[in-house]
Amino acid sequence: EKNLYSTLDPPILAFCGIGDPNSFKVVFKSMGIKIDYYKIFKDHAKYNVRDLKLLLNEIKNLEINSVITTEKDLLKLPEWFIGDVDIFILQMVVEFPPRQEEILMESVKKVLL
């Protein structure tokens, strides 16, 4: 099985539109992946054509070979953008300590039932 880093071809650009972009950066550091450029958008960014064309120009001008984004952000990208770059997806999982997870689930059940 290949690991992600062995399939990435530098230079690498990572972008996201999440509430805590620092956590995005920390993930790569913890995995030992050197990101050459970061592009951070506002949380819940609605990537419009202008933003994406600017990002594509930046990718081409910097001669980026690999692009990484989150699963959440990928779902917002149009086919024409995805087809034009070598894009990798970072799956992010939220984990709660066991007791907090129980409290959260009880709260959700109350709302749903």
PDB file of N, CA and C in Angstrom:
ATOM      1  N   GLU A   1       0.861  -1.196   0.000  1.00  0.00           N
ATOM      2  CA  GLU A   1       0.000   0.000   0.000  1.00  0.00           C
ATOM      3  C   GLU A   1       0.893   1.242   0.000  1.00  0.00           C
ATOM      4  N   LYS A   2       0.626   2.157  -0.912  1.00  0.00           N
ATOM      5  CA  LYS A   2       1.376   3.409  -0.979  1.00  0.00           C
ATOM      6  C   LYS A   2       0.849   4.373   0.069  1.00  0.00           C
ATOM      7  N   ASN A   3       1.739   5.141   0.649  1.00  0.00           N
ATOM      8  CA  ASN A   3       1.216   6.174   1.534  1.00  0.00           C
ATOM      9  C   ASN A   3       0.991   7.439   0.717  1.00  0.00           C
ATOM     10  N   LEU A   4       0.198   8.345   1.261  1.00  0.00           N
ATOM     11  CA  LEU A   4      -0.180   9.564   0.552  1.00  0.00           C
ATOM     12  C   LEU A   4       1.038  10.340   0.089  1.00  0.00           C
ATOM     13  N   TYR A   5       2.020  10.477   0.961  1.00  0.00           N
ATOM     14  CA  TYR A   5       3.159  11.334   0.648  1.00  0.00           C
ATOM     15  C   TYR A   5       3.945  10.811  -0.553  1.00  0.00           C
ATOM     16  N   SER A   6       4.020   9.494  -0.705  1.00  0.00           N
ATOM     17  CA  SER A   6       4.789   8.943  -1.823  1.00  0.00           C
ATOM     18  C   SER A   6       4.080   9.183  -3.160  1.00  0.00           C
ATOM     19  N   THR A   7       2.783   9.464  -3.141  1.00  0.00           N
ATOM     20  CA  THR A   7       2.055   9.718  -4.385  1.00  0.00           C
ATOM     21  C   THR A   7       1.980  11.208  -4.713  1.00  0.00           C
ATOM     22  N   LEU A   8       2.319  12.061  -3.754  1.00  0.00           N
ATOM     23  CA  LEU A   8       2.308  13.502  -3.994  1.00  0.00           C
ATOM     24  C   LEU A   8       3.558  13.920  -4.745  1.00  0.00           C
ATOM     25  N   ASP A   9       3.365  14.809  -5.695  1.00  0.00           N
ATOM     26  CA  ASP A   9       4.474  15.301  -6.498  1.00  0.00           C
ATOM     27  C   ASP A   9       4.661  16.786  -6.202  1.00  0.00           C
ATOM     28  N   PRO A  10       5.715  17.159  -5.457  1.00  0.00           N
ATOM     29  CA  PRO A  10       5.919  18.573  -5.135  1.00  0.00           C
ATOM     30  C   PRO A  10       6.177  19.411  -6.373  1.00  0.00           C
ATOM     31  N   PRO A  11       5.948  20.705  -6.317  1.00  0.00           N
ATOM     32  CA  PRO A  11       5.411  21.450  -5.171  1.00  0.00           C
ATOM     33  C   PRO A  11       3.928  21.159  -4.934  1.00  0.00           C
ATOM     34  N   ILE A  12       3.557  21.282  -3.662  1.00  0.00           N
ATOM     35  CA  ILE A  12       2.206  20.937  -3.209  1.00  0.00           C
ATOM     36  C   ILE A  12       1.501  22.178  -2.688  1.00  0.00           C
ATOM     37  N   LEU A  13       0.250  22.353  -3.099  1.00  0.00           N
ATOM     38  CA  LEU A  13      -0.601  23.424  -2.576  1.00  0.00           C
ATOM     39  C   LEU A  13      -1.788  22.776  -1.879  1.00  0.00           C
ATOM     40  N   ALA A  14      -2.098  23.240  -0.682  1.00  0.00           N
ATOM     41  CA  ALA A  14      -3.268  22.750   0.054  1.00  0.00           C
ATOM     42  C   ALA A  14      -4.210  23.919   0.272  1.00  0.00           C
ATOM     43  N   PHE A  15      -5.516  23.674   0.060  1.00  0.00           N
ATOM     44  CA  PHE A  15      -6.481  24.746   0.307  1.00  0.00           C
ATOM     45  C   PHE A  15      -7.713  24.188   0.998  1.00  0.00           C
ATOM     46  N   CYS A  16      -8.382  25.091   1.735  1.00  0.00           N
ATOM     47  CA  CYS A  16      -9.598  24.694   2.442  1.00  0.00           C
ATOM     48  C   CYS A  16     -10.417  25.926   2.796  1.00  0.00           C
ATOM     49  N   GLY A  17     -11.662  25.683   3.135  1.00  0.00           N
ATOM     50  CA  GLY A  17     -12.546  26.713   3.649  1.00  0.00           C
ATOM     51  C   GLY A  17     -13.218  26.162   4.896  1.00  0.00           C
ATOM     52  N   ILE A  18     -12.451  26.036   5.964  1.00  0.00           N
ATOM     53  CA  ILE A  18     -12.977  25.466   7.215  1.00  0.00           C
ATOM     54  C   ILE A  18     -12.790  26.459   8.358  1.00  0.00           C
ATOM     55  N   GLY A  19     -13.515  26.232   9.438  1.00  0.00           N
ATOM     56  CA  GLY A  19     -13.511  27.143  10.579  1.00  0.00           C
ATOM     57  C   GLY A  19     -12.163  27.289  11.258  1.00  0.00           C
ATOM     58  N   ASP A  20     -11.399  26.208  11.318  1.00  0.00           N
ATOM     59  CA  ASP A  20     -10.099  26.245  11.987  1.00  0.00           C
ATOM     60  C   ASP A  20      -9.016  25.794  11.012  1.00  0.00           C
ATOM     61  N   PRO A  21      -8.600  26.702  10.109  1.00  0.00           N
ATOM     62  CA  PRO A  21      -7.611  26.303   9.108  1.00  0.00           C
ATOM     63  C   PRO A  21      -6.278  25.868   9.714  1.00  0.00           C
ATOM     64  N   ASN A  22      -6.006  26.294  10.947  1.00  0.00           N
ATOM     65  CA  ASN A  22      -4.762  25.878  11.582  1.00  0.00           C
ATOM     66  C   ASN A  22      -4.749  24.364  11.801  1.00  0.00           C
ATOM     67  N   SER A  23      -5.916  23.790  12.111  1.00  0.00           N
ATOM     68  CA  SER A  23      -5.989  22.337  12.307  1.00  0.00           C
ATOM     69  C   SER A  23      -5.651  21.611  11.006  1.00  0.00           C
ATOM     70  N   PHE A  24      -6.020  22.214   9.876  1.00  0.00           N
ATOM     71  CA  PHE A  24      -5.704  21.680   8.553  1.00  0.00           C
ATOM     72  C   PHE A  24      -4.182  21.606   8.386  1.00  0.00           C
ATOM     73  N   LYS A  25      -3.503  22.682   8.762  1.00  0.00           N
ATOM     74  CA  LYS A  25      -2.045  22.739   8.643  1.00  0.00           C
ATOM     75  C   LYS A  25      -1.365  21.757   9.593  1.00  0.00           C
ATOM     76  N   VAL A  26      -1.903  21.636  10.801  1.00  0.00           N
ATOM     77  CA  VAL A  26      -1.316  20.752  11.817  1.00  0.00           C
ATOM     78  C   VAL A  26      -1.349  19.295  11.355  1.00  0.00           C
ATOM     79  N   VAL A  27      -2.407  18.909  10.646  1.00  0.00           N
ATOM     80  CA  VAL A  27      -2.526  17.529  10.156  1.00  0.00           C
ATOM     81  C   VAL A  27      -1.330  17.177   9.277  1.00  0.00           C
ATOM     82  N   PHE A  28      -0.979  18.073   8.364  1.00  0.00           N
ATOM     83  CA  PHE A  28       0.141  17.789   7.461  1.00  0.00           C
ATOM     84  C   PHE A  28       1.457  17.716   8.217  1.00  0.00           C
ATOM     85  N   LYS A  29       1.626  18.625   9.170  1.00  0.00           N
ATOM     86  CA  LYS A  29       2.858  18.597   9.974  1.00  0.00           C
ATOM     87  C   LYS A  29       2.962  17.279  10.727  1.00  0.00           C
ATOM     88  N   SER A  30       1.839  16.827  11.298  1.00  0.00           N
ATOM     89  CA  SER A  30       1.857  15.584  12.077  1.00  0.00           C
ATOM     90  C   SER A  30       2.123  14.369  11.180  1.00  0.00           C
ATOM     91  N   MET A  31       1.788  14.476   9.891  1.00  0.00           N
ATOM     92  CA  MET A  31       2.026  13.382   8.950  1.00  0.00           C
ATOM     93  C   MET A  31       3.393  13.497   8.277  1.00  0.00           C
ATOM     94  N   GLY A  32       4.109  14.584   8.573  1.00  0.00           N
ATOM     95  CA  GLY A  32       5.422  14.782   7.973  1.00  0.00           C
ATOM     96  C   GLY A  32       5.348  15.180   6.501  1.00  0.00           C
ATOM     97  N   ILE A  33       4.226  15.787   6.094  1.00  0.00           N
ATOM     98  CA  ILE A  33       4.054  16.219   4.705  1.00  0.00           C
ATOM     99  C   ILE A  33       4.357  17.706   4.609  1.00  0.00           C
ATOM    100  N   LYS A  34       5.307  18.053   3.750  1.00  0.00           N
ATOM    101  CA  LYS A  34       5.683  19.451   3.570  1.00  0.00           C
ATOM    102  C   LYS A  34       4.781  20.071   2.506  1.00  0.00           C
ATOM    103  N   ILE A  35       3.982  21.031   2.931  1.00  0.00           N
ATOM    104  CA  ILE A  35       3.109  21.768   2.019  1.00  0.00           C
ATOM    105  C   ILE A  35       3.850  23.043   1.621  1.00  0.00           C
ATOM    106  N   ASP A  36       3.990  23.257   0.326  1.00  0.00           N
ATOM    107  CA  ASP A  36       4.731  24.423  -0.155  1.00  0.00           C
ATOM    108  C   ASP A  36       3.903  25.701  -0.095  1.00  0.00           C
ATOM    109  N   TYR A  37       2.599  25.583  -0.350  1.00  0.00           N
ATOM    110  CA  TYR A  37       1.711  26.752  -0.350  1.00  0.00           C
ATOM    111  C   TYR A  37       0.362  26.381   0.253  1.00  0.00           C
ATOM    112  N   TYR A  38      -0.167  27.289   1.056  1.00  0.00           N
ATOM    113  CA  TYR A  38      -1.524  27.148   1.597  1.00  0.00           C
ATOM    114  C   TYR A  38      -2.389  28.259   1.025  1.00  0.00           C
ATOM    115  N   LYS A  39      -3.621  27.933   0.709  1.00  0.00           N
ATOM    116  CA  LYS A  39      -4.617  28.931   0.303  1.00  0.00           C
ATOM    117  C   LYS A  39      -5.820  28.689   1.209  1.00  0.00           C
ATOM    118  N   ILE A  40      -6.115  29.683   2.046  1.00  0.00           N
ATOM    119  CA  ILE A  40      -7.184  29.537   3.025  1.00  0.00           C
ATOM    120  C   ILE A  40      -8.359  30.431   2.624  1.00  0.00           C
ATOM    121  N   PHE A  41      -9.527  29.821   2.525  1.00  0.00           N
ATOM    122  CA  PHE A  41     -10.762  30.549   2.225  1.00  0.00           C
ATOM    123  C   PHE A  41     -11.590  30.640   3.498  1.00  0.00           C
ATOM    124  N   LYS A  42     -12.589  31.505   3.494  1.00  0.00           N
ATOM    125  CA  LYS A  42     -13.485  31.625   4.649  1.00  0.00           C
ATOM    126  C   LYS A  42     -14.216  30.307   4.874  1.00  0.00           C
ATOM    127  N   ASP A  43     -14.614  30.081   6.135  1.00  0.00           N
ATOM    128  CA  ASP A  43     -15.388  28.889   6.469  1.00  0.00           C
ATOM    129  C   ASP A  43     -16.656  28.855   5.618  1.00  0.00           C
ATOM    130  N   HIS A  44     -17.013  27.679   5.152  1.00  0.00           N
ATOM    131  CA  HIS A  44     -18.201  27.477   4.306  1.00  0.00           C
ATOM    132  C   HIS A  44     -18.115  28.259   2.997  1.00  0.00           C
ATOM    133  N   ALA A  45     -16.908  28.411   2.480  1.00  0.00           N
ATOM    134  CA  ALA A  45     -16.713  29.146   1.222  1.00  0.00           C
ATOM    135  C   ALA A  45     -17.575  28.545   0.118  1.00  0.00           C
ATOM    136  N   LYS A  46     -18.174  29.409  -0.670  1.00  0.00           N
ATOM    137  CA  LYS A  46     -18.943  28.981  -1.830  1.00  0.00           C
ATOM    138  C   LYS A  46     -18.089  29.303  -3.052  1.00  0.00           C
ATOM    139  N   TYR A  47     -17.172  28.450  -3.370  1.00  0.00           N
ATOM    140  CA  TYR A  47     -16.202  28.707  -4.425  1.00  0.00           C
ATOM    141  C   TYR A  47     -16.870  29.157  -5.722  1.00  0.00           C
ATOM    142  N   ASN A  48     -16.774  30.471  -6.006  1.00  0.00           N
ATOM    143  CA  ASN A  48     -17.365  30.972  -7.245  1.00  0.00           C
ATOM    144  C   ASN A  48     -16.348  30.835  -8.386  1.00  0.00           C
ATOM    145  N   VAL A  49     -16.814  31.028  -9.604  1.00  0.00           N
ATOM    146  CA  VAL A  49     -15.974  30.845 -10.785  1.00  0.00           C
ATOM    147  C   VAL A  49     -14.735  31.734 -10.708  1.00  0.00           C
ATOM    148  N   ARG A  50     -14.901  32.970 -10.286  1.00  0.00           N
ATOM    149  CA  ARG A  50     -13.760  33.901 -10.192  1.00  0.00           C
ATOM    150  C   ARG A  50     -12.701  33.376  -9.224  1.00  0.00           C
ATOM    151  N   ASP A  51     -13.140  32.953  -8.015  1.00  0.00           N
ATOM    152  CA  ASP A  51     -12.200  32.424  -7.016  1.00  0.00           C
ATOM    153  C   ASP A  51     -11.437  31.219  -7.569  1.00  0.00           C
ATOM    154  N   LEU A  52     -12.170  30.330  -8.233  1.00  0.00           N
ATOM    155  CA  LEU A  52     -11.545  29.111  -8.729  1.00  0.00           C
ATOM    156  C   LEU A  52     -10.610  29.374  -9.900  1.00  0.00           C
ATOM    157  N   LYS A  53     -10.961  30.335 -10.749  1.00  0.00           N
ATOM    158  CA  LYS A  53     -10.055  30.677 -11.857  1.00  0.00           C
ATOM    159  C   LYS A  53      -8.777  31.318 -11.312  1.00  0.00           C
ATOM    160  N   LEU A  54      -8.908  32.162 -10.289  1.00  0.00           N
ATOM    161  CA  LEU A  54      -7.725  32.748  -9.646  1.00  0.00           C
ATOM    162  C   LEU A  54      -6.861  31.651  -9.017  1.00  0.00           C
ATOM    163  N   LEU A  55      -7.514  30.687  -8.364  1.00  0.00           N
ATOM    164  CA  LEU A  55      -6.776  29.587  -7.746  1.00  0.00           C
ATOM    165  C   LEU A  55      -6.069  28.752  -8.819  1.00  0.00           C
ATOM    166  N   LEU A  56      -6.746  28.470  -9.913  1.00  0.00           N
ATOM    167  CA  LEU A  56      -6.120  27.715 -11.014  1.00  0.00           C
ATOM    168  C   LEU A  56      -4.924  28.466 -11.588  1.00  0.00           C
ATOM    169  N   ASN A  57      -5.070  29.781 -11.752  1.00  0.00           N
ATOM    170  CA  ASN A  57      -3.941  30.590 -12.246  1.00  0.00           C
ATOM    171  C   ASN A  57      -2.761  30.516 -11.289  1.00  0.00           C
ATOM    172  N   GLU A  58      -3.066  30.581  -9.992  1.00  0.00           N
ATOM    173  CA  GLU A  58      -2.018  30.494  -8.974  1.00  0.00           C
ATOM    174  C   GLU A  58      -1.321  29.131  -9.048  1.00  0.00           C
ATOM    175  N   ILE A  59      -2.118  28.069  -9.197  1.00  0.00           N
ATOM    176  CA  ILE A  59      -1.571  26.710  -9.302  1.00  0.00           C
ATOM    177  C   ILE A  59      -0.644  26.605 -10.517  1.00  0.00           C
ATOM    178  N   LYS A  60      -1.073  27.165 -11.626  1.00  0.00           N
ATOM    179  CA  LYS A  60      -0.256  27.121 -12.852  1.00  0.00           C
ATOM    180  C   LYS A  60       0.995  28.002 -12.724  1.00  0.00           C
ATOM    181  N   ASN A  61       0.834  29.217 -12.192  1.00  0.00           N
ATOM    182  CA  ASN A  61       1.969  30.138 -12.050  1.00  0.00           C
ATOM    183  C   ASN A  61       3.034  29.605 -11.094  1.00  0.00           C
ATOM    184  N   LEU A  62       2.604  28.927 -10.050  1.00  0.00           N
ATOM    185  CA  LEU A  62       3.547  28.366  -9.075  1.00  0.00           C
ATOM    186  C   LEU A  62       4.057  26.995  -9.510  1.00  0.00           C
ATOM    187  N   GLU A  63       3.538  26.517 -10.644  1.00  0.00           N
ATOM    188  CA  GLU A  63       3.894  25.197 -11.180  1.00  0.00           C
ATOM    189  C   GLU A  63       3.644  24.089 -10.164  1.00  0.00           C
ATOM    190  N   ILE A  64       2.459  24.154  -9.562  1.00  0.00           N
ATOM    191  CA  ILE A  64       2.035  23.163  -8.568  1.00  0.00           C
ATOM    192  C   ILE A  64       1.733  21.843  -9.265  1.00  0.00           C
ATOM    193  N   ASN A  65       2.235  20.753  -8.708  1.00  0.00           N
ATOM    194  CA  ASN A  65       1.969  19.423  -9.262  1.00  0.00           C
ATOM    195  C   ASN A  65       0.873  18.673  -8.513  1.00  0.00           C
ATOM    196  N   SER A  66       0.728  18.935  -7.215  1.00  0.00           N
ATOM    197  CA  SER A  66      -0.276  18.243  -6.404  1.00  0.00           C
ATOM    198  C   SER A  66      -1.060  19.251  -5.574  1.00  0.00           C
ATOM    199  N   VAL A  67      -2.373  19.061  -5.536  1.00  0.00           N
ATOM    200  CA  VAL A  67      -3.277  19.930  -4.776  1.00  0.00           C
ATOM    201  C   VAL A  67      -4.012  19.049  -3.772  1.00  0.00           C
ATOM    202  N   ILE A  68      -4.115  19.527  -2.529  1.00  0.00           N
ATOM    203  CA  ILE A  68      -4.845  18.791  -1.491  1.00  0.00           C
ATOM    204  C   ILE A  68      -5.935  19.693  -0.935  1.00  0.00           C
ATOM    205  N   THR A  69      -7.116  19.117  -0.735  1.00  0.00           N
ATOM    206  CA  THR A  69      -8.200  19.832  -0.078  1.00  0.00           C
ATOM    207  C   THR A  69      -8.985  18.845   0.781  1.00  0.00           C
ATOM    208  N   THR A  70      -9.961  19.352   1.519  1.00  0.00           N
ATOM    209  CA  THR A  70     -10.772  18.480   2.363  1.00  0.00           C
ATOM    210  C   THR A  70     -11.905  17.868   1.548  1.00  0.00           C
ATOM    211  N   GLU A  71     -12.461  16.812   2.071  1.00  0.00           N
ATOM    212  CA  GLU A  71     -13.615  16.160   1.449  1.00  0.00           C
ATOM    213  C   GLU A  71     -14.772  17.152   1.332  1.00  0.00           C
ATOM    214  N   LYS A  72     -14.973  17.928   2.397  1.00  0.00           N
ATOM    215  CA  LYS A  72     -16.044  18.934   2.429  1.00  0.00           C
ATOM    216  C   LYS A  72     -15.869  19.950   1.294  1.00  0.00           C
ATOM    217  N   ASP A  73     -14.640  20.389   1.082  1.00  0.00           N
ATOM    218  CA  ASP A  73     -14.380  21.367   0.038  1.00  0.00           C
ATOM    219  C   ASP A  73     -14.490  20.756  -1.361  1.00  0.00           C
ATOM    220  N   LEU A  74     -14.085  19.507  -1.491  1.00  0.00           N
ATOM    221  CA  LEU A  74     -14.168  18.847  -2.793  1.00  0.00           C
ATOM    222  C   LEU A  74     -15.602  18.844  -3.323  1.00  0.00           C
ATOM    223  N   LEU A  75     -16.560  18.612  -2.434  1.00  0.00           N
ATOM    224  CA  LEU A  75     -17.963  18.545  -2.833  1.00  0.00           C
ATOM    225  C   LEU A  75     -18.471  19.856  -3.427  1.00  0.00           C
ATOM    226  N   LYS A  76     -17.777  20.950  -3.160  1.00  0.00           N
ATOM    227  CA  LYS A  76     -18.186  22.266  -3.658  1.00  0.00           C
ATOM    228  C   LYS A  76     -17.505  22.644  -4.974  1.00  0.00           C
ATOM    229  N   LEU A  77     -16.612  21.791  -5.448  1.00  0.00           N
ATOM    230  CA  LEU A  77     -15.832  22.129  -6.637  1.00  0.00           C
ATOM    231  C   LEU A  77     -16.489  21.597  -7.902  1.00  0.00           C
ATOM    232  N   PRO A  78     -16.519  22.412  -8.957  1.00  0.00           N
ATOM    233  CA  PRO A  78     -17.102  21.955 -10.223  1.00  0.00           C
ATOM    234  C   PRO A  78     -16.156  20.987 -10.951  1.00  0.00           C
ATOM    235  N   GLU A  79     -16.745  20.188 -11.834  1.00  0.00           N
ATOM    236  CA  GLU A  79     -15.975  19.205 -12.608  1.00  0.00           C
ATOM    237  C   GLU A  79     -14.802  19.847 -13.353  1.00  0.00           C
ATOM    238  N   TRP A  80     -15.023  21.032 -13.952  1.00  0.00           N
ATOM    239  CA  TRP A  80     -13.970  21.653 -14.758  1.00  0.00           C
ATOM    240  C   TRP A  80     -12.737  21.977 -13.919  1.00  0.00           C
ATOM    241  N   PHE A  81     -12.934  22.247 -12.644  1.00  0.00           N
ATOM    242  CA  PHE A  81     -11.791  22.530 -11.773  1.00  0.00           C
ATOM    243  C   PHE A  81     -11.085  21.225 -11.410  1.00  0.00           C
ATOM    244  N   ILE A  82     -11.860  20.244 -10.986  1.00  0.00           N
ATOM    245  CA  ILE A  82     -11.299  18.958 -10.551  1.00  0.00           C
ATOM    246  C   ILE A  82     -10.533  18.290 -11.689  1.00  0.00           C
ATOM    247  N   GLY A  83     -11.057  18.397 -12.906  1.00  0.00           N
ATOM    248  CA  GLY A  83     -10.417  17.759 -14.043  1.00  0.00           C
ATOM    249  C   GLY A  83      -9.135  18.432 -14.484  1.00  0.00           C
ATOM    250  N   ASP A  84      -8.867  19.619 -13.969  1.00  0.00           N
ATOM    251  CA  ASP A  84      -7.714  20.395 -14.426  1.00  0.00           C
ATOM    252  C   ASP A  84      -6.514  20.320 -13.478  1.00  0.00           C
ATOM    253  N   VAL A  85      -6.679  19.665 -12.329  1.00  0.00           N
ATOM    254  CA  VAL A  85      -5.575  19.576 -11.364  1.00  0.00           C
ATOM    255  C   VAL A  85      -5.453  18.149 -10.825  1.00  0.00           C
ATOM    256  N   ASP A  86      -4.268  17.813 -10.336  1.00  0.00           N
ATOM    257  CA  ASP A  86      -4.042  16.520  -9.696  1.00  0.00           C
ATOM    258  C   ASP A  86      -4.403  16.715  -8.223  1.00  0.00           C
ATOM    259  N   ILE A  87      -5.645  16.342  -7.873  1.00  0.00           N
ATOM    260  CA  ILE A  87      -6.177  16.699  -6.555  1.00  0.00           C
ATOM    261  C   ILE A  87      -6.257  15.481  -5.634  1.00  0.00           C
ATOM    262  N   PHE A  88      -5.854  15.701  -4.390  1.00  0.00           N
ATOM    263  CA  PHE A  88      -5.904  14.674  -3.355  1.00  0.00           C
ATOM    264  C   PHE A  88      -6.847  15.158  -2.264  1.00  0.00           C
ATOM    265  N   ILE A  89      -7.515  14.218  -1.616  1.00  0.00           N
ATOM    266  CA  ILE A  89      -8.524  14.557  -0.611  1.00  0.00           C
ATOM    267  C   ILE A  89      -8.041  14.161   0.781  1.00  0.00           C
ATOM    268  N   LEU A  90      -8.158  15.114   1.699  1.00  0.00           N
ATOM    269  CA  LEU A  90      -7.848  14.853   3.095  1.00  0.00           C
ATOM    270  C   LEU A  90      -9.164  14.616   3.820  1.00  0.00           C
ATOM    271  N   GLN A  91      -9.341  13.409   4.335  1.00  0.00           N
ATOM    272  CA  GLN A  91     -10.545  13.113   5.112  1.00  0.00           C
ATOM    273  C   GLN A  91     -10.278  13.492   6.557  1.00  0.00           C
ATOM    274  N   MET A  92     -11.144  14.350   7.086  1.00  0.00           N
ATOM    275  CA  MET A  92     -10.987  14.786   8.467  1.00  0.00           C
ATOM    276  C   MET A  92     -12.122  14.187   9.290  1.00  0.00           C
ATOM    277  N   VAL A  93     -11.775  13.655  10.451  1.00  0.00           N
ATOM    278  CA  VAL A  93     -12.749  13.019  11.326  1.00  0.00           C
ATOM    279  C   VAL A  93     -12.742  13.741  12.664  1.00  0.00           C
ATOM    280  N   VAL A  94     -13.926  14.011  13.185  1.00  0.00           N
ATOM    281  CA  VAL A  94     -14.040  14.646  14.490  1.00  0.00           C
ATOM    282  C   VAL A  94     -14.228  13.542  15.523  1.00  0.00           C
ATOM    283  N   GLU A  95     -13.412  13.561  16.558  1.00  0.00           N
ATOM    284  CA  GLU A  95     -13.533  12.575  17.627  1.00  0.00           C
ATOM    285  C   GLU A  95     -13.759  13.292  18.944  1.00  0.00           C
ATOM    286  N   PHE A  96     -14.634  12.728  19.747  1.00  0.00           N
ATOM    287  CA  PHE A  96     -14.929  13.271  21.074  1.00  0.00           C
ATOM    288  C   PHE A  96     -14.469  12.268  22.118  1.00  0.00           C
ATOM    289  N   PRO A  97     -14.041  12.754  23.291  1.00  0.00           N
ATOM    290  CA  PRO A  97     -13.785  11.826  24.389  1.00  0.00           C
ATOM    291  C   PRO A  97     -15.090  11.079  24.696  1.00  0.00           C
ATOM    292  N   PRO A  98     -15.014   9.813  25.133  1.00  0.00           N
ATOM    293  CA  PRO A  98     -16.221   8.986  25.314  1.00  0.00           C
ATOM    294  C   PRO A  98     -17.364   9.658  26.079  1.00  0.00           C
ATOM    295  N   ARG A  99     -17.101  10.274  27.200  1.00  0.00           N
ATOM    296  CA  ARG A  99     -18.177  10.884  28.001  1.00  0.00           C
ATOM    297  C   ARG A  99     -18.829  12.042  27.241  1.00  0.00           C
ATOM    298  N   GLN A 100     -18.044  12.871  26.563  1.00  0.00           N
ATOM    299  CA  GLN A 100     -18.604  13.987  25.799  1.00  0.00           C
ATOM    300  C   GLN A 100     -19.456  13.481  24.645  1.00  0.00           C
ATOM    301  N   GLU A 101     -19.040  12.366  24.050  1.00  0.00           N
ATOM    302  CA  GLU A 101     -19.812  11.787  22.945  1.00  0.00           C
ATOM    303  C   GLU A 101     -21.187  11.326  23.450  1.00  0.00           C
ATOM    304  N   GLU A 102     -21.211  10.713  24.635  1.00  0.00           N
ATOM    305  CA  GLU A 102     -22.489  10.279  25.226  1.00  0.00           C
ATOM    306  C   GLU A 102     -23.414  11.474  25.460  1.00  0.00           C
ATOM    307  N   ILE A 103     -22.866  12.539  26.015  1.00  0.00           N
ATOM    308  CA  ILE A 103     -23.658  13.741  26.301  1.00  0.00           C
ATOM    309  C   ILE A 103     -24.196  14.337  25.001  1.00  0.00           C
ATOM    310  N   LEU A 104     -23.349  14.399  23.990  1.00  0.00           N
ATOM    311  CA  LEU A 104     -23.771  14.930  22.693  1.00  0.00           C
ATOM    312  C   LEU A 104     -24.884  14.078  22.091  1.00  0.00           C
ATOM    313  N   MET A 105     -24.723  12.762  22.130  1.00  0.00           N
ATOM    314  CA  MET A 105     -25.734  11.869  21.548  1.00  0.00           C
ATOM    315  C   MET A 105     -27.062  11.980  22.295  1.00  0.00           C
ATOM    316  N   GLU A 106     -27.016  12.110  23.602  1.00  0.00           N
ATOM    317  CA  GLU A 106     -28.255  12.289  24.384  1.00  0.00           C
ATOM    318  C   GLU A 106     -28.944  13.591  23.980  1.00  0.00           C
ATOM    319  N   SER A 107     -28.188  14.650  23.781  1.00  0.00           N
ATOM    320  CA  SER A 107     -28.754  15.932  23.358  1.00  0.00           C
ATOM    321  C   SER A 107     -29.387  15.822  21.983  1.00  0.00           C
ATOM    322  N   VAL A 108     -28.724  15.127  21.092  1.00  0.00           N
ATOM    323  CA  VAL A 108     -29.252  14.951  19.721  1.00  0.00           C
ATOM    324  C   VAL A 108     -30.538  14.134  19.761  1.00  0.00           C
ATOM    325  N   LYS A 109     -30.558  13.086  20.564  1.00  0.00           N
ATOM    326  CA  LYS A 109     -31.770  12.237  20.673  1.00  0.00           C
ATOM    327  C   LYS A 109     -32.964  13.050  21.167  1.00  0.00           C
ATOM    328  N   LYS A 110     -32.728  13.924  22.134  1.00  0.00           N
ATOM    329  CA  LYS A 110     -33.819  14.761  22.660  1.00  0.00           C
ATOM    330  C   LYS A 110     -34.407  15.644  21.581  1.00  0.00           C
ATOM    331  N   VAL A 111     -33.562  16.179  20.721  1.00  0.00           N
ATOM    332  CA  VAL A 111     -34.012  17.062  19.646  1.00  0.00           C
ATOM    333  C   VAL A 111     -34.762  16.272  18.578  1.00  0.00           C
ATOM    334  N   LEU A 112     -34.287  15.062  18.283  1.00  0.00           N
ATOM    335  CA  LEU A 112     -34.860  14.273  17.203  1.00  0.00           C
ATOM    336  C   LEU A 112     -36.116  13.505  17.603  1.00  0.00           C
ATOM    337  N   LEU A 113     -36.247  13.204  18.873  1.00  0.00           N
ATOM    338  CA  LEU A 113     -37.403  12.381  19.314  1.00  0.00           C
ATOM    339  C   LEU A 113     -38.527  13.225  19.877  1.00  0.00           C
TER     340      LEU A 113
END
